[in-house]
């Protein structure tokens, strides 16, 4: 094996895991239910507000409570997946856990809804870190952007198709309850499907240096220890990505987008919910575009390509959000166009930042890295934005809040990502050297 220098970043060769796209479709279904449950509560919150007699701030409390719970339970689910198996954790935490969604539909007070929805979110926190870790084991470095883009894009597209249905629920007595019952029941069925059909490829199965080694050899480094987990904080580019996640103001659109159009521009809940379809379609196209751009940029410029795509996405989102939220266009049609463009700009992000995290962490640490990135830092950001928007929206109006968070903060985030160019390349090279060293050691023992 040629020696890898400190600054060399070589694009990994493609390793095709058997049945990877079929397994990916099962994982995508799990992600779908998780995202649909959260968007259902936010898009139908005007009905919940009327039914349970609460204020706008209650939406912030509801969303924040779920995200904070996930911040604590996400890492615990990752630990459980290391201790037992990733498949069993997904079956329980993101499948059978849907029983709590069914129970939440029977809530008679906001307090009951808050408790049950928080318990529900505590289980769903397992989905993102474990599923994203599995994608890294199903797909090699040259196709991860496309794989992540397909999953997030398909989830968004189906969610967009469900959007008008959620709008129709707004015209039904206790429609939000029927939504929770339906999604919870579907989640239970999905958990059963995962148990029957999903096959875990094993950690490191898609790595060029490890793919032809037996599972026991690949798993020799898989035990997650406290020291290994803490070592994540010594990865400079990961720390920068975590800080950037705290400034990801676009997260607010999914939670408050429909309520924003209702409160600021006077649309009915049913009409405002129409924008969920173009937003979802835009997000879908953005994930595909982001996945293709990520893989292309990685091949053309392994050192800087992914960072440049991620940074550009922040600037584009801020520009589109300014014109899409700060002006009254009268009808819903133009808002739908701008929500589609915001969805596209936001959709680029997971297709880029997830493969970046995979590239800078060894296989056994990816689950923990995504637990920190998604379950903790993204949850903190989402909780902070939701609480702030809820209470500040009552005080200064959601229009002003959207200007600060969706436009100004996203511009700051784009500038901040400039700091990522130098350490990212070094961290990718470090992981490649480590994987090559493991292969050499395994072949030495075998010989």
Protein backbone atom coordinates (compact mmCIF):
# COMPACT_ATOMS: atom_id res chain seq x y z
CA UNK A 1 0.00 0.00 0.00
CA UNK A 2 1.32 3.46 -0.88
CA UNK A 3 1.91 5.69 2.06
CA UNK A 4 -0.74 8.35 2.60
CA UNK A 5 0.73 11.74 3.37
CA UNK A 6 -0.68 14.16 5.92
CA UNK A 7 -2.62 16.10 3.32
CA UNK A 8 -3.48 13.42 0.76
CA UNK A 9 -7.18 12.79 0.29
CA UNK A 10 -7.89 9.85 -2.05
CA UNK A 11 -11.49 9.18 -3.07
CA UNK A 12 -12.35 5.67 -1.83
CA UNK A 13 -13.04 3.05 -4.51
CA UNK A 14 -16.63 1.91 -4.91
CA UNK A 15 -17.56 -1.20 -2.91
CA UNK A 16 -21.00 -2.59 -3.81
CA UNK A 17 -22.69 -4.29 -0.87
CA UNK A 18 -25.19 -6.94 -2.01
CA UNK A 19 -28.83 -5.82 -1.83
CA UNK A 20 -27.87 -2.32 -0.68
CA UNK A 21 -30.69 -0.47 -2.49
CA UNK A 22 -33.33 -2.87 -1.17
CA UNK A 23 -32.03 -2.41 2.37
CA UNK A 24 -31.95 1.36 1.80
CA UNK A 25 -35.65 1.37 0.91
CA UNK A 26 -36.49 -0.22 4.27
CA UNK A 27 -34.41 2.36 6.11
CA UNK A 28 -36.07 5.14 4.12
CA UNK A 29 -39.49 3.96 5.28
CA UNK A 30 -38.36 4.25 8.88
CA UNK A 31 -37.09 7.78 8.28
CA UNK A 32 -40.39 8.68 6.60
CA UNK A 33 -42.53 7.85 9.60
CA UNK A 34 -40.20 9.75 11.93
CA UNK A 35 -40.34 12.95 9.85
CA UNK A 36 -44.07 12.67 9.11
CA UNK A 37 -44.94 12.41 12.79
CA UNK A 38 -43.06 15.64 13.57
CA UNK A 39 -44.44 17.55 10.57
CA UNK A 40 -47.98 16.41 11.34
CA UNK A 41 -47.95 18.10 14.72
CA UNK A 42 -46.49 21.34 13.36
CA UNK A 43 -48.70 21.59 10.25
CA UNK A 44 -51.89 20.79 12.17
CA UNK A 45 -50.95 22.84 15.23
CA UNK A 46 -53.63 25.47 14.50
CA UNK A 47 -56.17 22.68 15.10
CA UNK A 48 -54.37 21.48 18.22
CA UNK A 49 -54.26 25.08 19.46
CA UNK A 50 -58.00 25.41 18.99
CA UNK A 51 -58.83 21.94 20.34
CA UNK A 52 -56.73 22.16 23.50
CA UNK A 53 -56.87 25.92 24.04
CA UNK A 54 -53.15 26.79 23.96
CA UNK A 55 -51.05 29.65 22.56
CA UNK A 56 -48.45 29.78 19.77
CA UNK A 57 -45.72 29.28 22.37
CA UNK A 58 -47.08 25.78 23.00
CA UNK A 59 -45.85 24.64 19.59
CA UNK A 60 -42.34 25.71 20.57
CA UNK A 61 -42.64 23.85 23.87
CA UNK A 62 -43.98 20.72 22.17
CA UNK A 63 -41.25 20.65 19.53
CA UNK A 64 -38.47 21.59 21.94
CA UNK A 65 -39.49 18.93 24.47
CA UNK A 66 -39.32 16.25 21.81
CA UNK A 67 -35.92 17.41 20.57
CA UNK A 68 -34.47 17.71 24.08
CA UNK A 69 -35.69 14.20 24.91
CA UNK A 70 -34.06 12.96 21.72
CA UNK A 71 -30.81 14.68 22.64
CA UNK A 72 -30.59 12.44 25.71
CA UNK A 73 -31.97 9.21 24.27
CA UNK A 74 -30.25 9.33 20.84
CA UNK A 75 -26.79 8.48 22.23
CA UNK A 76 -28.38 5.82 24.49
CA UNK A 77 -29.97 4.14 21.46
CA UNK A 78 -26.60 4.15 19.69
CA UNK A 79 -25.02 2.53 22.74
CA UNK A 80 -27.82 -0.08 22.78
CA UNK A 81 -27.20 -0.77 19.08
CA UNK A 82 -23.52 -1.37 19.87
CA UNK A 83 -24.42 -3.58 22.84
CA UNK A 84 -27.05 -5.70 21.06
CA UNK A 85 -27.79 -5.00 17.38
CA UNK A 86 -28.73 -2.09 15.16
CA UNK A 87 -31.64 -4.01 13.65
CA UNK A 88 -33.29 -4.83 16.98
CA UNK A 89 -32.98 -1.22 18.18
CA UNK A 90 -34.58 0.09 14.98
CA UNK A 91 -37.41 -2.44 15.23
CA UNK A 92 -38.22 -1.36 18.80
CA UNK A 93 -37.37 2.35 18.85
CA UNK A 94 -38.60 3.46 15.45
CA UNK A 95 -41.14 0.72 14.73
CA UNK A 96 -43.06 -0.73 17.65
CA UNK A 97 -42.58 2.58 19.46
CA UNK A 98 -45.44 3.91 17.30
CA UNK A 99 -47.81 2.75 20.04
CA UNK A 100 -46.98 6.03 21.79
CA UNK A 101 -48.19 7.93 18.73
CA UNK A 102 -51.50 6.11 18.92
CA UNK A 103 -51.71 6.98 22.61
CA UNK A 104 -50.91 10.66 21.91
CA UNK A 105 -53.94 10.83 19.63
CA UNK A 106 -56.18 10.24 22.66
CA UNK A 107 -54.77 13.23 24.61
CA UNK A 108 -57.41 15.35 26.31
CA UNK A 109 -55.12 18.09 27.62
CA UNK A 110 -51.96 19.75 26.39
CA UNK A 111 -50.09 18.24 29.33
CA UNK A 112 -51.02 14.73 28.21
CA UNK A 113 -50.06 15.48 24.61
CA UNK A 114 -46.75 16.95 25.75
CA UNK A 115 -45.80 13.87 27.80
CA UNK A 116 -46.83 11.31 25.20
CA UNK A 117 -45.32 13.19 22.27
CA UNK A 118 -42.07 13.59 24.20
CA UNK A 119 -41.93 9.83 24.88
CA UNK A 120 -42.63 9.22 21.20
CA UNK A 121 -39.81 11.55 20.15
CA UNK A 122 -37.46 9.86 22.63
CA UNK A 123 -37.82 6.64 20.66
CA UNK A 124 -37.66 8.17 17.21
CA UNK A 125 -34.32 9.75 18.13
CA UNK A 126 -32.76 6.37 17.30
CA UNK A 127 -33.63 6.66 13.62
CA UNK A 128 -31.26 9.30 12.26
CA UNK A 129 -27.93 8.29 13.87
CA UNK A 130 -28.36 4.53 13.37
CA UNK A 131 -29.82 4.73 9.86
CA UNK A 132 -27.17 7.17 8.70
CA UNK A 133 -24.47 4.93 10.15
CA UNK A 134 -25.97 2.01 8.24
CA UNK A 135 -25.94 3.98 4.98
CA UNK A 136 -22.20 4.46 5.49
CA UNK A 137 -21.85 0.66 5.74
CA UNK A 138 -24.05 -0.01 2.69
CA UNK A 139 -22.41 2.51 0.34
CA UNK A 140 -18.82 3.47 -0.36
CA UNK A 141 -17.41 6.99 -0.37
CA UNK A 142 -18.08 7.65 -4.06
CA UNK A 143 -21.82 6.97 -3.82
CA UNK A 144 -22.80 8.02 -0.30
CA UNK A 145 -23.98 11.46 -1.39
CA UNK A 146 -26.37 9.88 -3.89
CA UNK A 147 -27.58 7.29 -1.36
CA UNK A 148 -28.26 9.89 1.33
CA UNK A 149 -29.90 12.11 -1.26
CA UNK A 150 -32.22 9.30 -2.37
CA UNK A 151 -33.28 8.51 1.20
CA UNK A 152 -33.89 12.08 2.31
CA UNK A 153 -35.38 13.00 -1.05
CA UNK A 154 -37.80 10.07 -1.12
CA UNK A 155 -38.83 10.78 2.46
CA UNK A 156 -39.48 14.41 1.57
CA UNK A 157 -41.35 13.56 -1.63
CA UNK A 158 -43.70 11.13 0.11
CA UNK A 159 -44.14 13.63 2.95
CA UNK A 160 -45.04 16.24 0.35
CA UNK A 161 -47.65 13.90 -1.08
CA UNK A 162 -49.05 13.45 2.40
CA UNK A 163 -49.10 17.25 2.86
CA UNK A 164 -52.45 17.82 1.13
CA UNK A 165 -53.88 14.89 3.11
CA UNK A 166 -52.81 16.63 6.30
CA UNK A 167 -54.53 19.74 4.98
CA UNK A 168 -57.72 17.69 4.52
CA UNK A 169 -57.43 16.50 8.09
CA UNK A 170 -57.71 20.18 9.04
CA UNK A 171 -61.32 20.04 7.81
CA UNK A 172 -62.18 16.99 9.93
CA UNK A 173 -63.24 17.13 13.56
CA UNK A 174 -60.20 16.13 15.64
CA UNK A 175 -58.26 15.57 12.41
CA UNK A 176 -54.93 15.80 14.23
CA UNK A 177 -55.95 12.82 16.35
CA UNK A 178 -56.70 10.70 13.27
CA UNK A 179 -53.30 11.66 11.89
CA UNK A 180 -51.49 10.49 15.02
CA UNK A 181 -53.46 7.26 15.14
CA UNK A 182 -52.79 6.49 11.48
CA UNK A 183 -49.06 7.20 11.56
CA UNK A 184 -48.59 5.33 14.83
CA UNK A 185 -50.30 2.23 13.43
CA UNK A 186 -48.24 2.39 10.22
CA UNK A 187 -45.08 2.68 12.29
CA UNK A 188 -45.87 -0.53 14.14
CA UNK A 189 -46.36 -2.37 10.84
CA UNK A 190 -43.07 -0.95 9.56
CA UNK A 191 -41.27 -2.27 12.64
CA UNK A 192 -42.57 -5.74 11.86
CA UNK A 193 -41.38 -5.35 8.25
CA UNK A 194 -37.90 -4.34 9.41
CA UNK A 195 -37.69 -7.42 11.63
CA UNK A 196 -38.61 -9.75 8.76
CA UNK A 197 -36.68 -8.26 5.82
CA UNK A 198 -33.83 -6.02 6.94
CA UNK A 199 -30.26 -7.40 6.91
CA UNK A 200 -27.45 -5.49 8.63
CA UNK A 201 -24.33 -5.44 6.37
CA UNK A 202 -21.97 -5.08 9.34
CA UNK A 203 -19.69 -2.19 10.22
CA UNK A 204 -17.11 -1.28 7.61
CA UNK A 205 -18.73 -3.45 4.91
CA UNK A 206 -18.45 -0.68 2.27
CA UNK A 207 -14.91 0.42 3.06
CA UNK A 208 -12.37 -0.38 0.34
CA UNK A 209 -9.76 -1.46 2.88
CA UNK A 210 -12.10 -3.64 4.98
CA UNK A 211 -14.75 -5.03 2.61
CA UNK A 212 -12.98 -8.33 1.86
CA UNK A 213 -12.18 -9.04 5.51
CA UNK A 214 -14.42 -11.33 7.53
CA UNK A 215 -17.02 -9.67 9.84
CA UNK A 216 -15.16 -10.71 13.01
CA UNK A 217 -12.00 -8.95 11.81
CA UNK A 218 -13.96 -5.85 10.81
CA UNK A 219 -15.70 -5.82 14.18
CA UNK A 220 -12.42 -5.99 16.11
CA UNK A 221 -12.46 -2.20 16.49
CA UNK A 222 -16.23 -1.82 16.77
CA UNK A 223 -16.58 -1.68 20.55
CA UNK A 224 -17.53 1.85 21.54
CA UNK A 225 -15.72 3.04 24.64
CA UNK A 226 -15.86 6.28 26.56
CA UNK A 227 -12.42 7.30 25.31
CA UNK A 228 -13.41 6.61 21.70
CA UNK A 229 -16.57 8.66 22.06
CA UNK A 230 -14.64 11.57 23.56
CA UNK A 231 -12.14 11.35 20.71
CA UNK A 232 -14.87 12.69 18.43
CA UNK A 233 -14.42 16.10 19.99
CA UNK A 234 -10.77 16.08 18.86
CA UNK A 235 -11.83 15.93 15.19
CA UNK A 236 -11.56 19.58 14.24
CA UNK A 237 -13.83 19.49 11.21
CA UNK A 238 -16.54 17.64 13.16
CA UNK A 239 -16.49 20.33 15.84
CA UNK A 240 -16.91 22.99 13.14
CA UNK A 241 -19.81 21.06 11.62
CA UNK A 242 -21.43 20.81 15.06
CA UNK A 243 -21.17 24.57 15.58
CA UNK A 244 -22.56 25.15 12.10
CA UNK A 245 -25.51 22.91 12.96
CA UNK A 246 -26.39 25.21 15.83
CA UNK A 247 -26.73 28.02 13.28
CA UNK A 248 -28.89 26.05 10.83
CA UNK A 249 -31.88 28.39 10.89
CA UNK A 250 -33.56 26.63 7.98
CA UNK A 251 -34.72 23.96 10.46
CA UNK A 252 -37.41 26.42 11.53
CA UNK A 253 -39.29 26.21 8.22
CA UNK A 254 -40.50 22.67 8.77
CA UNK A 255 -41.87 23.48 12.22
CA UNK A 256 -43.35 26.94 11.75
CA UNK A 257 -43.85 27.27 7.98
CA UNK A 258 -47.62 26.61 7.94
CA UNK A 259 -48.24 28.54 11.17
CA UNK A 260 -46.19 31.45 9.69
CA UNK A 261 -48.48 31.70 6.66
CA UNK A 262 -51.58 31.47 8.86
CA UNK A 263 -50.51 34.10 11.40
CA UNK A 264 -48.59 36.55 9.20
CA UNK A 265 -50.46 36.47 5.90
CA UNK A 266 -53.91 35.32 7.03
CA UNK A 267 -54.26 32.05 5.12
CA UNK A 268 -56.45 29.26 6.46
CA UNK A 269 -54.69 26.14 7.73
CA UNK A 270 -55.98 24.18 4.75
CA UNK A 271 -54.69 26.71 2.22
CA UNK A 272 -51.38 27.26 4.01
CA UNK A 273 -50.79 23.49 4.05
CA UNK A 274 -50.70 23.57 0.25
CA UNK A 275 -47.08 24.82 0.41
CA UNK A 276 -46.03 21.54 2.00
CA UNK A 277 -46.30 19.84 -1.39
CA UNK A 278 -43.99 22.20 -3.34
CA UNK A 279 -41.65 22.40 -0.34
CA UNK A 280 -41.41 18.61 -0.24
CA UNK A 281 -40.93 18.32 -4.00
CA UNK A 282 -38.26 21.02 -3.85
CA UNK A 283 -36.55 19.25 -0.97
CA UNK A 284 -36.65 16.00 -2.94
CA UNK A 285 -35.03 17.61 -5.97
CA UNK A 286 -32.53 19.37 -3.70
CA UNK A 287 -31.43 16.10 -2.12
CA UNK A 288 -30.93 14.52 -5.54
CA UNK A 289 -29.08 17.60 -6.77
CA UNK A 290 -27.06 17.72 -3.56
CA UNK A 291 -26.21 14.01 -3.79
CA UNK A 292 -25.05 14.34 -7.39
CA UNK A 293 -23.16 17.55 -6.61
CA UNK A 294 -21.55 15.96 -3.54
CA UNK A 295 -20.29 12.90 -5.40
CA UNK A 296 -19.11 15.04 -8.35
CA UNK A 297 -17.40 17.58 -6.07
CA UNK A 298 -15.76 14.78 -4.09
CA UNK A 299 -14.29 13.31 -7.26
CA UNK A 300 -13.18 16.67 -8.71
CA UNK A 301 -11.82 18.18 -5.50
CA UNK A 302 -11.57 15.69 -2.60
CA UNK A 303 -10.04 18.39 -0.40
CA UNK A 304 -12.54 21.22 -0.86
CA UNK A 305 -15.45 20.07 -3.03
CA UNK A 306 -17.95 19.04 -0.35
CA UNK A 307 -17.25 22.09 1.79
CA UNK A 308 -17.86 24.41 -1.17
CA UNK A 309 -21.21 22.77 -1.98
CA UNK A 310 -22.33 22.95 1.66
CA UNK A 311 -21.33 26.59 1.99
CA UNK A 312 -23.10 27.59 -1.23
CA UNK A 313 -26.31 25.94 -0.05
CA UNK A 314 -26.43 28.20 3.02
CA UNK A 315 -26.09 31.39 0.98
CA UNK A 316 -28.70 30.30 -1.57
CA UNK A 317 -31.19 29.42 1.17
CA UNK A 318 -30.80 32.81 2.86
CA UNK A 319 -31.41 34.64 -0.42
CA UNK A 320 -34.52 32.62 -1.30
CA UNK A 321 -35.89 32.83 2.27
CA UNK A 322 -35.69 36.63 2.19
CA UNK A 323 -37.90 36.91 -0.87
CA UNK A 324 -40.09 33.98 0.20
CA UNK A 325 -41.03 35.22 3.69
CA UNK A 326 -40.70 39.01 3.84
CA UNK A 327 -43.16 40.02 1.10
CA UNK A 328 -46.92 39.52 0.78
CA UNK A 329 -47.75 38.03 -2.63
CA UNK A 330 -51.49 37.94 -2.03
CA UNK A 331 -52.24 34.37 -3.13
CA UNK A 332 -50.68 31.10 -2.05
CA UNK A 333 -49.20 30.29 -5.49
CA UNK A 334 -46.04 32.45 -5.28
CA UNK A 335 -45.48 31.36 -1.70
CA UNK A 336 -45.57 27.80 -2.99
CA UNK A 337 -42.84 28.64 -5.53
CA UNK A 338 -40.57 30.17 -2.89
CA UNK A 339 -41.21 27.32 -0.45
CA UNK A 340 -40.20 24.93 -3.23
CA UNK A 341 -36.94 26.86 -3.71
CA UNK A 342 -36.31 26.92 0.04
CA UNK A 343 -36.94 23.19 0.15
CA UNK A 344 -34.44 22.64 -2.67
CA UNK A 345 -31.73 24.71 -0.96
CA UNK A 346 -32.35 22.96 2.35
CA UNK A 347 -32.42 19.54 0.71
CA UNK A 348 -28.83 19.90 -0.47
CA UNK A 349 -27.57 19.83 3.11
CA UNK A 350 -28.08 16.19 4.23
CA UNK A 351 -26.66 14.90 0.93
CA UNK A 352 -23.45 16.76 1.71
CA UNK A 353 -23.00 16.99 5.48
CA UNK A 354 -23.83 13.32 6.19
CA UNK A 355 -21.17 11.98 3.78
CA UNK A 356 -18.74 14.53 5.28
CA UNK A 357 -19.28 13.13 8.77
CA UNK A 358 -18.85 9.58 7.42
CA UNK A 359 -15.59 10.57 5.73
CA UNK A 360 -13.98 12.03 8.86
CA UNK A 361 -14.92 9.23 11.30
CA UNK A 362 -13.96 5.52 11.34
CA UNK A 363 -16.85 3.01 10.97
CA UNK A 364 -17.22 2.22 14.67
CA UNK A 365 -17.59 5.90 15.60
CA UNK A 366 -20.11 6.95 12.96
CA UNK A 367 -23.15 6.02 15.02
CA UNK A 368 -21.84 8.04 17.95
CA UNK A 369 -20.89 10.91 15.62
CA UNK A 370 -24.39 11.06 14.16
CA UNK A 371 -25.91 10.77 17.63
CA UNK A 372 -23.97 13.89 18.60
CA UNK A 373 -24.56 15.64 15.26
CA UNK A 374 -28.27 14.88 14.83
CA UNK A 375 -29.69 13.73 18.15
CA UNK A 376 -27.84 16.28 20.28
CA UNK A 377 -26.69 19.34 18.33
CA UNK A 378 -29.43 19.37 15.70
CA UNK A 379 -31.97 18.72 18.46
CA UNK A 380 -30.57 21.61 20.53
CA UNK A 381 -30.75 23.89 17.49
CA UNK A 382 -34.26 22.78 16.64
CA UNK A 383 -35.40 23.15 20.25
CA UNK A 384 -33.81 26.59 20.56
CA UNK A 385 -35.31 27.84 17.29
CA UNK A 386 -38.73 26.40 18.14
CA UNK A 387 -38.85 27.86 21.64
CA UNK A 388 -37.49 31.20 20.46
CA UNK A 389 -39.85 31.40 17.50
CA UNK A 390 -42.82 30.44 19.65
CA UNK A 391 -42.31 33.06 22.32
CA UNK A 392 -40.68 35.74 20.16
CA UNK A 393 -43.40 35.17 17.57
CA UNK A 394 -45.96 36.18 20.19
CA UNK A 395 -43.85 39.24 21.09
CA UNK A 396 -42.45 40.63 17.81
CA UNK A 397 -44.19 38.54 15.16
CA UNK A 398 -43.07 35.54 13.11
CA UNK A 399 -42.16 37.73 10.14
CA UNK A 400 -39.36 39.37 12.12
CA UNK A 401 -38.29 36.03 13.59
CA UNK A 402 -38.03 34.51 10.12
CA UNK A 403 -35.89 37.44 8.93
CA UNK A 404 -33.44 36.95 11.81
CA UNK A 405 -33.25 33.17 11.69
CA UNK A 406 -33.86 32.15 8.08
CA UNK A 407 -31.96 35.00 6.44
CA UNK A 408 -29.39 36.71 8.68
CA UNK A 409 -28.33 33.66 10.71
CA UNK A 410 -28.00 31.54 7.57
CA UNK A 411 -25.69 34.16 6.02
CA UNK A 412 -23.54 34.01 9.15
CA UNK A 413 -23.53 30.21 8.93
CA UNK A 414 -22.32 30.34 5.33
CA UNK A 415 -19.43 32.62 6.24
CA UNK A 416 -18.54 30.44 9.24
CA UNK A 417 -18.12 27.35 7.04
CA UNK A 418 -15.07 28.99 5.45
CA UNK A 419 -13.18 27.73 8.51
CA UNK A 420 -13.85 24.14 7.40
CA UNK A 421 -11.71 24.06 4.24
CA UNK A 422 -8.33 23.30 5.84
CA UNK A 423 -9.13 20.79 8.64
CA UNK A 424 -11.63 18.72 6.60
CA UNK A 425 -8.99 17.46 4.15
CA UNK A 426 -6.63 16.57 6.99
CA UNK A 427 -9.30 14.64 8.88
CA UNK A 428 -10.32 12.61 5.80
CA UNK A 429 -6.67 11.68 5.19
CA UNK A 430 -6.31 10.61 8.83
CA UNK A 431 -9.25 8.17 8.54
CA UNK A 432 -7.89 6.70 5.30
CA UNK A 433 -4.50 6.12 6.93
CA UNK A 434 -6.20 4.40 9.87
CA UNK A 435 -8.22 2.07 7.62
CA UNK A 436 -5.13 1.16 5.60
CA UNK A 437 -3.26 0.40 8.83
CA UNK A 438 -6.07 -1.88 10.01
CA UNK A 439 -6.01 -3.77 6.74
CA UNK A 440 -2.26 -4.25 6.91
CA UNK A 441 -2.52 -5.51 10.48
CA UNK A 442 -5.35 -7.94 9.59
CA UNK A 443 -3.49 -9.32 6.59
CA UNK A 444 -0.35 -9.71 8.71
CA UNK A 445 -2.24 -11.77 11.28
CA UNK A 446 -3.92 -13.82 8.54
CA UNK A 447 -0.57 -14.48 6.86
